[in-house]
Amino acid sequence: MTIPSRVQKLKKLTTVVADTGDFNSIKKFAPQDATTNPSLILKAATMEEYNSVVDDAVAYGEGDLSVTMDKLAVAFGTEITKIVPGYVSTEVDARLSFDTDATIQKARELIRMYEEVGIKKERILVKVAATWEGIQAVKVLEQEGIACNATLIFSMAQAIACAEVGCTLISPFVGRIMDWYKKSSGVEKFEPSEDPGVMSVTAIYNYFKKYDYETIVMGASFRNTEEICELAGCDRLTISPKLLDELSNSTVDLPRKLDADKAKGMDIPKIEMTENTFRWMLNDDAMATEKLAEGIRGFAKDIAKLEDIVEARINSSNKRRKISHDE
């Protein structure tokens, strides 16, 4: 009798999501959903096997960089929908994180592009950074039937605000929180159960189950398999191919750590979330404030890098067309 791997055991407790833009990795691990972000798209777009995806987006954009960038994100997402049966997350430009109206317009455009190639909006989660402005965009989009994934969640304030507006799914980060506390406290390592990132996601999960929020909690940004195992039982966990590999090669026992029924009986005070409360709680949390800003800056930088690559492809394509026309 074959002993199930930790990935197989995890799938019985939690919906496993692949955190990658690499189609081959997604096929290998057969997750329910897949998430992408500008950093992952940048990495995939520089891989030779995906040249055709980039070239198709360039052709579609007809020289318009913004349109080409949107099409590239949708093109990767479209291919991923052929592999996973569930949600595919596609991220709105991080540089719009403080512009509610622009975020709404960009999300609508991404969904339009998906529908243009026959992908129903029910298959897509539009990823939006969980700033106050981003969360207000999520409120409008969810009312329009566009499901959202609020990302870069580092605090309870962000999580509650997202749940209050009916966000379909949130991505509270684990590893980046641990990184901050390791640096600020001078600690080299935390015990898995005392990992600040694990504790943050656990608290959010318990709060949501206590107060019957329907928003899906999807732990993200893992640094090691111990963090993942400490969150077994969470609604969803989005995991990199490297860590999925490690879990696949282990058969160690994997008990449930998060339990919705137990959460209902916990003594957790209710927080009435307003804009003032949100901004004060975020301001009062140095880690969350710094990591949210850093995350937005990081995604914005990778978008700019990807734009440079795409722009070079556009210019190359234009030169080829000109030479062909001259001949």
C-alpha atoms as a PDB file:
ATOM      1  CA  MET A   1       0.000   0.000   0.000  1.00  0.00           C
ATOM      2  CA  THR A   2       1.379   3.379  -1.037  1.00  0.00           C
ATOM      3  CA  ILE A   3       1.666   5.921   1.767  1.00  0.00           C
ATOM      4  CA  PRO A   4       0.116   9.257   0.681  1.00  0.00           C
ATOM      5  CA  SER A   5       2.407  12.253   0.408  1.00  0.00           C
ATOM      6  CA  ARG A   6       1.954  15.393   2.466  1.00  0.00           C
ATOM      7  CA  VAL A   7       0.480  17.141  -0.585  1.00  0.00           C
ATOM      8  CA  GLN A   8      -2.148  14.422  -0.855  1.00  0.00           C
ATOM      9  CA  LYS A   9      -2.860  14.673   2.861  1.00  0.00           C
ATOM     10  CA  LEU A  10      -3.051  18.464   2.634  1.00  0.00           C
ATOM     11  CA  LYS A  11      -5.559  18.278  -0.226  1.00  0.00           C
ATOM     12  CA  LYS A  12      -7.949  16.410   2.092  1.00  0.00           C
ATOM     13  CA  LEU A  13      -7.893  19.322   4.553  1.00  0.00           C
ATOM     14  CA  THR A  14      -7.364  22.378   2.350  1.00  0.00           C
ATOM     15  CA  THR A  15      -7.861  23.456  -1.239  1.00  0.00           C
ATOM     16  CA  VAL A  16      -4.360  23.574  -2.732  1.00  0.00           C
ATOM     17  CA  VAL A  17      -3.580  26.407  -5.148  1.00  0.00           C
ATOM     18  CA  ALA A  18      -0.481  26.723  -7.357  1.00  0.00           C
ATOM     19  CA  ASP A  19       1.377  30.019  -6.971  1.00  0.00           C
ATOM     20  CA  THR A  20       3.060  30.220 -10.370  1.00  0.00           C
ATOM     21  CA  GLY A  21       2.703  31.300 -13.977  1.00  0.00           C
ATOM     22  CA  ASP A  22       4.537  28.217 -15.232  1.00  0.00           C
ATOM     23  CA  PHE A  23       2.054  25.924 -16.989  1.00  0.00           C
ATOM     24  CA  ASN A  24       4.246  22.842 -16.609  1.00  0.00           C
ATOM     25  CA  SER A  25       4.451  23.236 -12.830  1.00  0.00           C
ATOM     26  CA  ILE A  26       0.680  23.614 -12.615  1.00  0.00           C
ATOM     27  CA  LYS A  27       0.146  20.442 -14.652  1.00  0.00           C
ATOM     28  CA  LYS A  28       2.545  18.547 -12.409  1.00  0.00           C
ATOM     29  CA  PHE A  29       0.752  19.243  -9.140  1.00  0.00           C
ATOM     30  CA  ALA A  30      -2.885  19.297 -10.339  1.00  0.00           C
ATOM     31  CA  PRO A  31      -4.108  22.074  -7.994  1.00  0.00           C
ATOM     32  CA  GLN A  32      -7.708  23.290  -7.788  1.00  0.00           C
ATOM     33  CA  ASP A  33      -6.837  26.941  -8.502  1.00  0.00           C
ATOM     34  CA  ALA A  34      -3.847  28.994  -9.598  1.00  0.00           C
ATOM     35  CA  THR A  35      -2.629  32.474  -8.737  1.00  0.00           C
ATOM     36  CA  THR A  36      -0.365  34.798 -10.673  1.00  0.00           C
ATOM     37  CA  ASN A  37       1.148  38.189  -9.949  1.00  0.00           C
ATOM     38  CA  PRO A  38       3.418  40.595 -11.868  1.00  0.00           C
ATOM     39  CA  SER A  39       6.554  38.941 -10.468  1.00  0.00           C
ATOM     40  CA  LEU A  40       5.415  35.470 -11.569  1.00  0.00           C
ATOM     41  CA  ILE A  41       4.326  36.701 -15.008  1.00  0.00           C
ATOM     42  CA  LEU A  42       7.702  38.448 -15.407  1.00  0.00           C
ATOM     43  CA  LYS A  43       9.504  35.211 -14.608  1.00  0.00           C
ATOM     44  CA  ALA A  44       7.365  33.168 -16.993  1.00  0.00           C
ATOM     45  CA  ALA A  45       7.558  35.758 -19.785  1.00  0.00           C
ATOM     46  CA  THR A  46      11.352  35.467 -19.842  1.00  0.00           C
ATOM     47  CA  MET A  47      11.190  31.679 -20.315  1.00  0.00           C
ATOM     48  CA  GLU A  48      11.750  30.596 -23.902  1.00  0.00           C
ATOM     49  CA  GLU A  49       8.844  28.160 -23.968  1.00  0.00           C
ATOM     50  CA  TYR A  50       6.410  31.043 -23.471  1.00  0.00           C
ATOM     51  CA  ASN A  51       7.679  33.246 -26.298  1.00  0.00           C
ATOM     52  CA  SER A  52       4.567  32.503 -28.340  1.00  0.00           C
ATOM     53  CA  VAL A  53       2.304  33.738 -25.517  1.00  0.00           C
ATOM     54  CA  VAL A  54       4.190  37.043 -25.418  1.00  0.00           C
ATOM     55  CA  ASP A  55       4.225  37.325 -29.222  1.00  0.00           C
ATOM     56  CA  ASP A  56       0.456  36.762 -29.408  1.00  0.00           C
ATOM     57  CA  ALA A  57      -0.130  39.500 -26.829  1.00  0.00           C
ATOM     58  CA  VAL A  58       2.113  41.873 -28.796  1.00  0.00           C
ATOM     59  CA  ALA A  59       0.166  41.158 -31.979  1.00  0.00           C
ATOM     60  CA  TYR A  60      -3.129  41.767 -30.187  1.00  0.00           C
ATOM     61  CA  GLY A  61      -1.962  45.063 -28.705  1.00  0.00           C
ATOM     62  CA  GLU A  62      -1.043  46.561 -32.085  1.00  0.00           C
ATOM     63  CA  GLY A  63       1.602  48.795 -30.548  1.00  0.00           C
ATOM     64  CA  ASP A  64      -0.407  49.843 -27.467  1.00  0.00           C
ATOM     65  CA  LEU A  65       1.726  48.912 -24.432  1.00  0.00           C
ATOM     66  CA  SER A  66      -1.119  49.079 -21.908  1.00  0.00           C
ATOM     67  CA  VAL A  67      -3.387  46.854 -23.995  1.00  0.00           C
ATOM     68  CA  THR A  68      -0.534  44.440 -24.637  1.00  0.00           C
ATOM     69  CA  MET A  69       0.248  44.178 -20.917  1.00  0.00           C
ATOM     70  CA  ASP A  70      -3.382  43.425 -20.071  1.00  0.00           C
ATOM     71  CA  LYS A  71      -3.577  40.884 -22.869  1.00  0.00           C
ATOM     72  CA  LEU A  72      -0.392  39.197 -21.676  1.00  0.00           C
ATOM     73  CA  ALA A  73      -1.823  38.737 -18.171  1.00  0.00           C
ATOM     74  CA  VAL A  74      -5.062  37.408 -19.654  1.00  0.00           C
ATOM     75  CA  ALA A  75      -3.183  35.146 -22.078  1.00  0.00           C
ATOM     76  CA  PHE A  76      -1.316  33.449 -19.247  1.00  0.00           C
ATOM     77  CA  GLY A  77      -4.535  33.211 -17.259  1.00  0.00           C
ATOM     78  CA  THR A  78      -6.394  31.738 -20.231  1.00  0.00           C
ATOM     79  CA  GLU A  79      -3.845  28.959 -20.628  1.00  0.00           C
ATOM     80  CA  ILE A  80      -4.020  28.237 -16.908  1.00  0.00           C
ATOM     81  CA  THR A  81      -7.835  27.880 -17.041  1.00  0.00           C
ATOM     82  CA  LYS A  82      -7.241  24.920 -19.384  1.00  0.00           C
ATOM     83  CA  ILE A  83      -5.255  23.175 -16.642  1.00  0.00           C
ATOM     84  CA  VAL A  84      -7.021  23.973 -13.342  1.00  0.00           C
ATOM     85  CA  PRO A  85     -10.755  23.423 -12.778  1.00  0.00           C
ATOM     86  CA  GLY A  86     -11.216  26.339 -10.377  1.00  0.00           C
ATOM     87  CA  TYR A  87     -10.279  29.977 -10.053  1.00  0.00           C
ATOM     88  CA  VAL A  88      -7.422  31.721 -11.835  1.00  0.00           C
ATOM     89  CA  SER A  89      -6.272  34.994 -10.249  1.00  0.00           C
ATOM     90  CA  THR A  90      -5.110  37.864 -12.454  1.00  0.00           C
ATOM     91  CA  GLU A  91      -3.709  41.000 -10.874  1.00  0.00           C
ATOM     92  CA  VAL A  92      -4.604  44.620 -11.517  1.00  0.00           C
ATOM     93  CA  ASP A  93      -1.623  46.941 -12.083  1.00  0.00           C
ATOM     94  CA  ALA A  94      -0.170  47.650  -8.620  1.00  0.00           C
ATOM     95  CA  ARG A  95       0.402  51.279  -9.609  1.00  0.00           C
ATOM     96  CA  LEU A  96      -3.382  51.735  -9.391  1.00  0.00           C
ATOM     97  CA  SER A  97      -3.478  50.657  -5.736  1.00  0.00           C
ATOM     98  CA  PHE A  98      -4.567  54.091  -4.499  1.00  0.00           C
ATOM     99  CA  ASP A  99      -7.014  54.851  -7.323  1.00  0.00           C
ATOM    100  CA  THR A 100     -10.426  53.257  -6.806  1.00  0.00           C
ATOM    101  CA  ASP A 101     -11.947  54.274 -10.146  1.00  0.00           C
ATOM    102  CA  ALA A 102      -8.914  53.246 -12.202  1.00  0.00           C
ATOM    103  CA  THR A 103      -8.816  49.873 -10.443  1.00  0.00           C
ATOM    104  CA  ILE A 104     -12.487  49.285 -11.266  1.00  0.00           C
ATOM    105  CA  GLN A 105     -11.951  50.184 -14.932  1.00  0.00           C
ATOM    106  CA  LYS A 106      -8.871  47.959 -15.225  1.00  0.00           C
ATOM    107  CA  ALA A 107     -10.692  45.020 -13.629  1.00  0.00           C
ATOM    108  CA  ARG A 108     -13.613  45.402 -16.024  1.00  0.00           C
ATOM    109  CA  GLU A 109     -11.201  45.479 -18.973  1.00  0.00           C
ATOM    110  CA  LEU A 110      -9.444  42.301 -17.830  1.00  0.00           C
ATOM    111  CA  ILE A 111     -12.779  40.504 -17.501  1.00  0.00           C
ATOM    112  CA  ARG A 112     -13.821  41.779 -20.949  1.00  0.00           C
ATOM    113  CA  MET A 113     -10.636  40.332 -22.434  1.00  0.00           C
ATOM    114  CA  TYR A 114     -11.285  36.989 -20.767  1.00  0.00           C
ATOM    115  CA  GLU A 115     -14.857  36.905 -22.044  1.00  0.00           C
ATOM    116  CA  GLU A 116     -13.559  37.792 -25.510  1.00  0.00           C
ATOM    117  CA  VAL A 117     -11.802  34.410 -25.614  1.00  0.00           C
ATOM    118  CA  GLY A 118     -14.710  32.519 -24.071  1.00  0.00           C
ATOM    119  CA  ILE A 119     -13.608  32.480 -20.423  1.00  0.00           C
ATOM    120  CA  LYS A 120     -16.537  33.258 -18.139  1.00  0.00           C
ATOM    121  CA  LYS A 121     -15.964  35.758 -15.353  1.00  0.00           C
ATOM    122  CA  GLU A 122     -16.922  33.101 -12.816  1.00  0.00           C
ATOM    123  CA  ARG A 123     -13.546  31.437 -13.474  1.00  0.00           C
ATOM    124  CA  ILE A 124     -11.518  34.564 -12.720  1.00  0.00           C
ATOM    125  CA  LEU A 125     -10.496  36.318  -9.519  1.00  0.00           C
ATOM    126  CA  VAL A 126      -9.290  39.865 -10.090  1.00  0.00           C
ATOM    127  CA  LYS A 127      -6.422  40.526  -7.683  1.00  0.00           C
ATOM    128  CA  VAL A 128      -6.416  43.927  -6.019  1.00  0.00           C
ATOM    129  CA  ALA A 129      -4.003  45.252  -3.382  1.00  0.00           C
ATOM    130  CA  ALA A 130      -5.835  45.637  -0.052  1.00  0.00           C
ATOM    131  CA  THR A 131      -5.404  49.372   0.413  1.00  0.00           C
ATOM    132  CA  TRP A 132      -8.524  51.249   1.532  1.00  0.00           C
ATOM    133  CA  GLU A 133      -8.958  52.465  -2.061  1.00  0.00           C
ATOM    134  CA  GLY A 134      -8.488  48.968  -3.428  1.00  0.00           C
ATOM    135  CA  ILE A 135     -11.047  47.564  -1.007  1.00  0.00           C
ATOM    136  CA  GLN A 136     -13.607  50.165  -2.126  1.00  0.00           C
ATOM    137  CA  ALA A 137     -12.988  49.047  -5.706  1.00  0.00           C
ATOM    138  CA  VAL A 138     -13.581  45.456  -4.609  1.00  0.00           C
ATOM    139  CA  LYS A 139     -16.932  46.511  -3.122  1.00  0.00           C
ATOM    140  CA  VAL A 140     -18.110  47.867  -6.484  1.00  0.00           C
ATOM    141  CA  LEU A 141     -16.705  44.971  -8.501  1.00  0.00           C
ATOM    142  CA  GLU A 142     -18.272  42.308  -6.294  1.00  0.00           C
ATOM    143  CA  GLN A 143     -21.644  44.058  -6.631  1.00  0.00           C
ATOM    144  CA  GLU A 144     -21.182  43.805 -10.413  1.00  0.00           C
ATOM    145  CA  GLY A 145     -20.511  40.078 -10.164  1.00  0.00           C
ATOM    146  CA  ILE A 146     -16.739  40.337 -10.653  1.00  0.00           C
ATOM    147  CA  ALA A 147     -15.096  38.139  -8.030  1.00  0.00           C
ATOM    148  CA  CYS A 148     -11.992  39.534  -6.353  1.00  0.00           C
ATOM    149  CA  ASN A 149      -8.870  38.320  -4.579  1.00  0.00           C
ATOM    150  CA  ALA A 150      -7.658  41.000  -2.171  1.00  0.00           C
ATOM    151  CA  THR A 151      -3.912  40.567  -1.905  1.00  0.00           C
ATOM    152  CA  LEU A 152      -1.025  41.876   0.198  1.00  0.00           C
ATOM    153  CA  ILE A 153      -2.984  41.269   3.408  1.00  0.00           C
ATOM    154  CA  PHE A 154      -0.776  41.762   6.454  1.00  0.00           C
ATOM    155  CA  SER A 155      -3.264  42.771   9.120  1.00  0.00           C
ATOM    156  CA  MET A 156      -6.612  42.011  10.686  1.00  0.00           C
ATOM    157  CA  ALA A 157      -7.828  45.477   9.673  1.00  0.00           C
ATOM    158  CA  GLN A 158      -7.325  44.704   5.975  1.00  0.00           C
ATOM    159  CA  ALA A 159      -8.911  41.280   6.318  1.00  0.00           C
ATOM    160  CA  ILE A 160     -12.039  42.513   8.098  1.00  0.00           C
ATOM    161  CA  ALA A 161     -12.499  45.453   5.716  1.00  0.00           C
ATOM    162  CA  CYS A 162     -12.363  43.032   2.775  1.00  0.00           C
ATOM    163  CA  ALA A 163     -14.875  40.657   4.338  1.00  0.00           C
ATOM    164  CA  GLU A 164     -17.232  43.538   5.140  1.00  0.00           C
ATOM    165  CA  VAL A 165     -17.470  44.495   1.438  1.00  0.00           C
ATOM    166  CA  GLY A 166     -18.085  40.895   0.356  1.00  0.00           C
ATOM    167  CA  CYS A 167     -14.706  40.123  -1.173  1.00  0.00           C
ATOM    168  CA  THR A 168     -14.711  36.566  -2.569  1.00  0.00           C
ATOM    169  CA  LEU A 169     -11.204  35.701  -1.357  1.00  0.00           C
ATOM    170  CA  ILE A 170      -8.328  37.271   0.549  1.00  0.00           C
ATOM    171  CA  SER A 171      -4.621  36.403   0.443  1.00  0.00           C
ATOM    172  CA  PRO A 172      -3.056  37.001   3.852  1.00  0.00           C
ATOM    173  CA  PHE A 173       0.735  36.687   3.568  1.00  0.00           C
ATOM    174  CA  VAL A 174       2.779  34.465   5.855  1.00  0.00           C
ATOM    175  CA  GLY A 175       6.452  34.483   4.901  1.00  0.00           C
ATOM    176  CA  ARG A 176       6.770  38.217   4.434  1.00  0.00           C
ATOM    177  CA  ILE A 177       5.409  38.774   7.940  1.00  0.00           C
ATOM    178  CA  MET A 178       7.947  36.328   9.314  1.00  0.00           C
ATOM    179  CA  ASP A 179      10.715  38.114   7.386  1.00  0.00           C
ATOM    180  CA  TRP A 180       9.824  41.419   9.063  1.00  0.00           C
ATOM    181  CA  TYR A 181       9.764  39.990  12.571  1.00  0.00           C
ATOM    182  CA  LYS A 182      13.019  38.097  12.080  1.00  0.00           C
ATOM    183  CA  LYS A 183      14.712  41.323  11.003  1.00  0.00           C
ATOM    184  CA  SER A 184      13.129  43.563  13.637  1.00  0.00           C
ATOM    185  CA  SER A 185      13.714  41.196  16.550  1.00  0.00           C
ATOM    186  CA  GLY A 186      17.057  39.768  15.443  1.00  0.00           C
ATOM    187  CA  VAL A 187      15.689  36.208  15.621  1.00  0.00           C
ATOM    188  CA  GLU A 188      17.012  33.672  13.125  1.00  0.00           C
ATOM    189  CA  LYS A 189      14.066  31.285  13.280  1.00  0.00           C
ATOM    190  CA  PHE A 190      10.631  30.874  14.851  1.00  0.00           C
ATOM    191  CA  GLU A 191       9.036  27.626  15.911  1.00  0.00           C
ATOM    192  CA  PRO A 192       6.305  26.863  13.333  1.00  0.00           C
ATOM    193  CA  SER A 193       3.449  27.379  15.805  1.00  0.00           C
ATOM    194  CA  GLU A 194       4.981  30.699  16.928  1.00  0.00           C
ATOM    195  CA  ASP A 195       5.697  31.996  13.430  1.00  0.00           C
ATOM    196  CA  PRO A 196       4.139  35.515  13.338  1.00  0.00           C
ATOM    197  CA  GLY A 197       2.853  34.945   9.794  1.00  0.00           C
ATOM    198  CA  VAL A 198       1.179  31.683  10.767  1.00  0.00           C
ATOM    199  CA  MET A 199      -0.340  33.353  13.830  1.00  0.00           C
ATOM    200  CA  SER A 200      -1.675  36.213  11.681  1.00  0.00           C
ATOM    201  CA  VAL A 201      -3.452  33.918   9.204  1.00  0.00           C
ATOM    202  CA  THR A 202      -4.757  31.733  12.027  1.00  0.00           C
ATOM    203  CA  ALA A 203      -6.261  34.778  13.765  1.00  0.00           C
ATOM    204  CA  ILE A 204      -7.904  35.954  10.528  1.00  0.00           C
ATOM    205  CA  TYR A 205      -9.294  32.480   9.814  1.00  0.00           C
ATOM    206  CA  ASN A 206     -10.722  32.133  13.321  1.00  0.00           C
ATOM    207  CA  TYR A 207     -12.277  35.621  13.190  1.00  0.00           C
ATOM    208  CA  PHE A 208     -13.953  34.906   9.838  1.00  0.00           C
ATOM    209  CA  LYS A 209     -15.361  31.563  11.008  1.00  0.00           C
ATOM    210  CA  LYS A 210     -16.466  33.027  14.342  1.00  0.00           C
ATOM    211  CA  TYR A 211     -18.540  35.702  12.612  1.00  0.00           C
ATOM    212  CA  ASP A 212     -19.660  33.635   9.597  1.00  0.00           C
ATOM    213  CA  TYR A 213     -17.954  35.650   6.877  1.00  0.00           C
ATOM    214  CA  GLU A 214     -18.159  33.870   3.525  1.00  0.00           C
ATOM    215  CA  THR A 215     -14.875  35.357   2.280  1.00  0.00           C
ATOM    216  CA  ILE A 216     -12.357  32.601   1.518  1.00  0.00           C
ATOM    217  CA  VAL A 217      -9.085  32.764   3.455  1.00  0.00           C
ATOM    218  CA  MET A 218      -6.135  31.730   1.293  1.00  0.00           C
ATOM    219  CA  GLY A 219      -2.759  31.762   3.038  1.00  0.00           C
ATOM    220  CA  ALA A 220       0.055  32.907   0.745  1.00  0.00           C
ATOM    221  CA  SER A 221       3.768  33.758   0.612  1.00  0.00           C
ATOM    222  CA  PHE A 222       5.315  30.756   2.326  1.00  0.00           C
ATOM    223  CA  ARG A 223       8.999  30.422   3.168  1.00  0.00           C
ATOM    224  CA  ASN A 224       8.976  26.769   4.206  1.00  0.00           C
ATOM    225  CA  THR A 225       6.727  23.718   4.430  1.00  0.00           C
ATOM    226  CA  GLU A 226       6.416  24.045   8.220  1.00  0.00           C
ATOM    227  CA  GLU A 227       4.380  27.244   7.759  1.00  0.00           C
ATOM    228  CA  ILE A 228       2.097  25.426   5.324  1.00  0.00           C
ATOM    229  CA  CYS A 229       1.564  22.469   7.646  1.00  0.00           C
ATOM    230  CA  GLU A 230       0.714  24.784  10.556  1.00  0.00           C
ATOM    231  CA  LEU A 231      -2.172  26.136   8.471  1.00  0.00           C
ATOM    232  CA  ALA A 232      -3.594  22.769   7.389  1.00  0.00           C
ATOM    233  CA  GLY A 233      -7.360  23.204   7.388  1.00  0.00           C
ATOM    234  CA  CYS A 234      -7.306  26.782   6.077  1.00  0.00           C
ATOM    235  CA  ASP A 235      -9.823  27.341   3.255  1.00  0.00           C
ATOM    236  CA  ARG A 236      -7.076  27.549   0.649  1.00  0.00           C
ATOM    237  CA  LEU A 237      -3.276  27.741   0.566  1.00  0.00           C
ATOM    238  CA  THR A 238      -1.396  29.012  -2.484  1.00  0.00           C
ATOM    239  CA  ILE A 239       1.975  27.312  -2.691  1.00  0.00           C
ATOM    240  CA  SER A 240       5.041  27.658  -4.925  1.00  0.00           C
ATOM    241  CA  PRO A 241       6.181  24.690  -7.071  1.00  0.00           C
ATOM    242  CA  LYS A 242       9.350  24.360  -4.970  1.00  0.00           C
ATOM    243  CA  LEU A 243       7.408  23.864  -1.738  1.00  0.00           C
ATOM    244  CA  LEU A 244       4.822  21.635  -3.438  1.00  0.00           C
ATOM    245  CA  ASP A 245       7.751  19.480  -4.525  1.00  0.00           C
ATOM    246  CA  GLU A 246       9.015  19.238  -0.958  1.00  0.00           C
ATOM    247  CA  LEU A 247       5.567  18.283   0.307  1.00  0.00           C
ATOM    248  CA  SER A 248       5.245  15.686  -2.457  1.00  0.00           C
ATOM    249  CA  ASN A 249       8.457  14.028  -1.334  1.00  0.00           C
ATOM    250  CA  SER A 250       7.392  13.701   2.312  1.00  0.00           C
ATOM    251  CA  THR A 251       4.976  11.230   3.893  1.00  0.00           C
ATOM    252  CA  VAL A 252       5.143  12.627   7.433  1.00  0.00           C
ATOM    253  CA  ASP A 253       1.777  12.899   9.171  1.00  0.00           C
ATOM    254  CA  LEU A 254      -0.208  16.097   8.593  1.00  0.00           C
ATOM    255  CA  PRO A 255      -2.880  16.827  11.214  1.00  0.00           C
ATOM    256  CA  ARG A 256      -5.558  19.496  10.912  1.00  0.00           C
ATOM    257  CA  LYS A 257      -4.520  22.739  12.614  1.00  0.00           C
ATOM    258  CA  LEU A 258      -7.365  25.128  11.726  1.00  0.00           C
ATOM    259  CA  ASP A 259     -10.948  24.161  12.548  1.00  0.00           C
ATOM    260  CA  ALA A 260     -13.999  26.255  11.685  1.00  0.00           C
ATOM    261  CA  ASP A 261     -16.194  24.566  14.299  1.00  0.00           C
ATOM    262  CA  LYS A 262     -13.708  25.267  17.090  1.00  0.00           C
ATOM    263  CA  ALA A 263     -13.377  28.881  15.930  1.00  0.00           C
ATOM    264  CA  LYS A 264     -17.104  29.445  16.430  1.00  0.00           C
ATOM    265  CA  GLY A 265     -16.716  28.775  20.138  1.00  0.00           C
ATOM    266  CA  MET A 266     -13.759  31.103  20.623  1.00  0.00           C
ATOM    267  CA  ASP A 267     -13.991  34.343  22.598  1.00  0.00           C
ATOM    268  CA  ILE A 268     -13.038  36.836  19.874  1.00  0.00           C
ATOM    269  CA  PRO A 269     -14.218  40.461  20.160  1.00  0.00           C
ATOM    270  CA  LYS A 270     -16.024  41.938  17.136  1.00  0.00           C
ATOM    271  CA  ILE A 271     -14.387  44.911  15.470  1.00  0.00           C
ATOM    272  CA  GLU A 272     -16.648  47.497  13.828  1.00  0.00           C
ATOM    273  CA  MET A 273     -14.695  48.457  10.730  1.00  0.00           C
ATOM    274  CA  THR A 274     -14.848  52.014   9.384  1.00  0.00           C
ATOM    275  CA  GLU A 275     -12.366  53.931   7.253  1.00  0.00           C
ATOM    276  CA  ASN A 276     -11.058  55.699  10.376  1.00  0.00           C
ATOM    277  CA  THR A 277     -10.653  52.412  12.225  1.00  0.00           C
ATOM    278  CA  PHE A 278      -8.970  50.807   9.221  1.00  0.00           C
ATOM    279  CA  ARG A 279      -6.459  53.607   8.779  1.00  0.00           C
ATOM    280  CA  TRP A 280      -5.676  53.812  12.492  1.00  0.00           C
ATOM    281  CA  MET A 281      -5.226  50.039  12.910  1.00  0.00           C
ATOM    282  CA  LEU A 282      -2.974  49.892   9.843  1.00  0.00           C
ATOM    283  CA  ASN A 283      -1.009  52.941  11.002  1.00  0.00           C
ATOM    284  CA  ASP A 284      -0.605  51.345  14.432  1.00  0.00           C
ATOM    285  CA  ASP A 285       0.873  48.181  12.891  1.00  0.00           C
ATOM    286  CA  ALA A 286       4.407  48.995  11.728  1.00  0.00           C
ATOM    287  CA  MET A 287       4.884  45.605  10.071  1.00  0.00           C
ATOM    288  CA  ALA A 288       1.659  45.756   8.059  1.00  0.00           C
ATOM    289  CA  THR A 289       2.246  49.370   7.021  1.00  0.00           C
ATOM    290  CA  GLU A 290       5.778  48.667   5.826  1.00  0.00           C
ATOM    291  CA  LYS A 291       5.008  45.347   4.142  1.00  0.00           C
ATOM    292  CA  LEU A 292       1.948  46.648   2.287  1.00  0.00           C
ATOM    293  CA  ALA A 293       3.940  49.584   0.886  1.00  0.00           C
ATOM    294  CA  GLU A 294       6.915  47.361   0.093  1.00  0.00           C
ATOM    295  CA  GLY A 295       4.686  44.806  -1.642  1.00  0.00           C
ATOM    296  CA  ILE A 296       3.061  47.432  -3.845  1.00  0.00           C
ATOM    297  CA  ARG A 297       6.474  48.894  -4.735  1.00  0.00           C
ATOM    298  CA  GLY A 298       7.825  45.443  -5.535  1.00  0.00           C
ATOM    299  CA  PHE A 299       4.964  44.519  -7.857  1.00  0.00           C
ATOM    300  CA  ALA A 300       5.153  47.961  -9.508  1.00  0.00           C
ATOM    301  CA  LYS A 301       8.878  47.468 -10.205  1.00  0.00           C
ATOM    302  CA  ASP A 302       8.249  44.067 -11.769  1.00  0.00           C
ATOM    303  CA  ILE A 303       5.476  45.535 -13.920  1.00  0.00           C
ATOM    304  CA  ALA A 304       7.949  48.168 -15.146  1.00  0.00           C
ATOM    305  CA  LYS A 305      10.510  45.447 -15.925  1.00  0.00           C
ATOM    306  CA  LEU A 306       7.891  43.441 -17.784  1.00  0.00           C
ATOM    307  CA  GLU A 307       6.861  46.564 -19.697  1.00  0.00           C
ATOM    308  CA  ASP A 308      10.478  47.003 -20.833  1.00  0.00           C
ATOM    309  CA  ILE A 309      10.523  43.434 -22.158  1.00  0.00           C
ATOM    310  CA  VAL A 310       7.156  43.818 -23.874  1.00  0.00           C
ATOM    311  CA  GLU A 311       8.071  47.220 -25.331  1.00  0.00           C
ATOM    312  CA  ALA A 312      11.230  45.726 -26.824  1.00  0.00           C
ATOM    313  CA  ARG A 313       9.098  42.982 -28.393  1.00  0.00           C
ATOM    314  CA  ILE A 314       6.678  45.588 -29.760  1.00  0.00           C
ATOM    315  CA  ASN A 315       9.545  47.579 -31.300  1.00  0.00           C
ATOM    316  CA  SER A 316      11.040  44.427 -32.777  1.00  0.00           C
ATOM    317  CA  SER A 317       7.685  43.447 -34.228  1.00  0.00           C
ATOM    318  CA  ASN A 318       7.226  46.912 -35.740  1.00  0.00           C
ATOM    319  CA  LYS A 319      10.681  46.736 -37.351  1.00  0.00           C
ATOM    320  CA  ARG A 320       9.900  43.337 -38.872  1.00  0.00           C
ATOM    321  CA  ARG A 321       6.660  44.645 -40.282  1.00  0.00           C
ATOM    322  CA  LYS A 322       8.399  47.700 -41.715  1.00  0.00           C
ATOM    323  CA  ILE A 323      11.097  45.604 -43.375  1.00  0.00           C
ATOM    324  CA  SER A 324       8.463  43.267 -44.771  1.00  0.00           C
ATOM    325  CA  HIS A 325       6.462  46.238 -46.070  1.00  0.00           C
ATOM    326  CA  ASP A 326       9.525  47.854 -47.672  1.00  0.00           C
ATOM    327  CA  GLU A 327      10.381  44.625 -49.457  1.00  0.00           C
END
